Amino acid sequence: MKQLPGRSRPSWLQQLIRWAALVIVTVWMVTLLPVLLVVGLIAAVLLIPVLKQIRQEMDHLDRSQRGDPLPPRDVTPWHRRVWNRWHSR
């Protein structure tokens, strides 16, 4: 590529700009990476009950399509289940 006529930046200034950009990007990535890892961990933990519910619904659909009798459903409120588990130990 040909240089257009006119003044060009000195090479030391171009090097300084490159180094400054490299330092800024490095600091930004070092700062951003732990935040992204923590957000990913929180998202993964929050997805556990969702994936469990999806698995149960897929099993229920599979059983209903095969014509198998559905198992009885536990309708005990969550607070009673916690209470029963705590007292059964």
Protein backbone atom coordinates (compact mmCIF):
# COMPACT_ATOMS: atom_id res chain seq x y z
CA MET A 1 0.00 0.00 0.00
CA LYS A 2 1.41 3.40 -0.95
CA GLN A 3 1.74 6.18 1.58
CA LEU A 4 -0.45 9.16 0.78
CA PRO A 5 1.29 12.49 0.58
CA GLY A 6 1.44 14.49 3.76
CA ARG A 7 2.91 14.16 7.22
CA SER A 8 2.97 10.73 8.83
CA ARG A 9 3.24 9.89 12.50
CA PRO A 10 6.72 9.21 13.82
CA SER A 11 7.45 5.54 14.39
CA TRP A 12 8.05 6.04 18.12
CA LEU A 13 4.55 7.50 18.47
CA GLN A 14 3.03 4.54 16.64
CA GLN A 15 4.91 2.17 18.94
CA LEU A 16 3.72 4.11 21.99
CA ILE A 17 0.09 3.91 20.79
CA ARG A 18 0.42 0.16 20.20
CA TRP A 19 1.87 -0.43 23.65
CA ALA A 20 -0.81 1.73 25.29
CA ALA A 21 -3.53 -0.20 23.46
CA LEU A 22 -1.95 -3.51 24.51
CA VAL A 23 -1.80 -2.44 28.16
CA ILE A 24 -5.41 -1.22 28.11
CA VAL A 25 -6.69 -4.43 26.52
CA THR A 26 -4.66 -6.58 28.93
CA VAL A 27 -5.94 -4.75 32.01
CA TRP A 28 -9.49 -4.87 30.65
CA MET A 29 -9.30 -8.63 30.06
CA VAL A 30 -7.73 -9.35 33.46
CA THR A 31 -10.53 -7.34 35.07
CA LEU A 32 -13.32 -8.78 32.94
CA LEU A 33 -12.39 -12.47 33.06
CA PRO A 34 -13.13 -13.07 36.78
CA VAL A 35 -16.44 -11.22 36.44
CA LEU A 36 -17.42 -13.42 33.50
CA LEU A 37 -16.43 -16.56 35.40
CA VAL A 38 -18.52 -15.59 38.44
CA VAL A 39 -21.52 -14.70 36.26
CA GLY A 40 -21.17 -18.04 34.46
CA LEU A 41 -21.05 -19.90 37.76
CA ILE A 42 -24.15 -18.14 39.06
CA ALA A 43 -26.00 -18.83 35.80
CA ALA A 44 -25.04 -22.51 35.95
CA VAL A 45 -26.27 -22.84 39.54
CA LEU A 46 -29.53 -21.10 38.68
CA LEU A 47 -30.08 -23.45 35.71
CA ILE A 48 -29.97 -26.61 37.84
CA PRO A 49 -33.66 -26.51 38.93
CA VAL A 50 -34.76 -25.51 35.43
CA LEU A 51 -32.98 -28.47 33.87
CA LYS A 52 -34.40 -30.79 36.54
CA GLN A 53 -37.93 -29.61 35.74
CA ILE A 54 -37.36 -30.05 32.00
CA ARG A 55 -36.08 -33.60 32.58
CA GLN A 56 -39.17 -34.46 34.65
CA GLU A 57 -41.49 -33.05 32.00
CA MET A 58 -39.72 -35.03 29.26
CA ASP A 59 -39.99 -38.23 31.32
CA HIS A 60 -43.68 -37.51 31.94
CA LEU A 61 -44.26 -36.94 28.20
CA ASP A 62 -42.38 -40.11 27.31
CA ARG A 63 -44.44 -42.18 29.76
CA SER A 64 -47.72 -40.71 28.57
CA GLN A 65 -46.85 -41.44 24.92
CA ARG A 66 -45.97 -45.06 25.73
CA GLY A 67 -49.20 -45.48 27.69
CA ASP A 68 -47.45 -46.33 30.98
CA PRO A 69 -49.34 -45.44 34.16
CA LEU A 70 -48.03 -42.25 35.67
CA PRO A 71 -46.50 -42.50 39.15
CA PRO A 72 -48.37 -40.78 41.97
CA ARG A 73 -47.45 -37.12 42.32
CA ASP A 74 -46.25 -35.72 45.63
CA VAL A 75 -48.38 -32.67 46.41
CA THR A 76 -46.92 -32.05 49.86
CA PRO A 77 -46.13 -28.33 50.29
CA TRP A 78 -42.42 -27.51 50.28
CA HIS A 79 -42.37 -26.38 53.91
CA ARG A 80 -43.88 -29.67 55.09
CA ARG A 81 -41.32 -31.63 53.03
CA VAL A 82 -38.50 -29.66 54.66
CA TRP A 83 -40.06 -30.22 58.09
CA ASN A 84 -40.49 -33.96 57.46
CA ARG A 85 -36.92 -34.37 56.21
CA TRP A 86 -35.55 -32.45 59.16
CA HIS A 87 -37.47 -34.58 61.67
CA SER A 88 -36.70 -37.89 59.99
CA ARG A 89 -32.98 -37.60 60.80
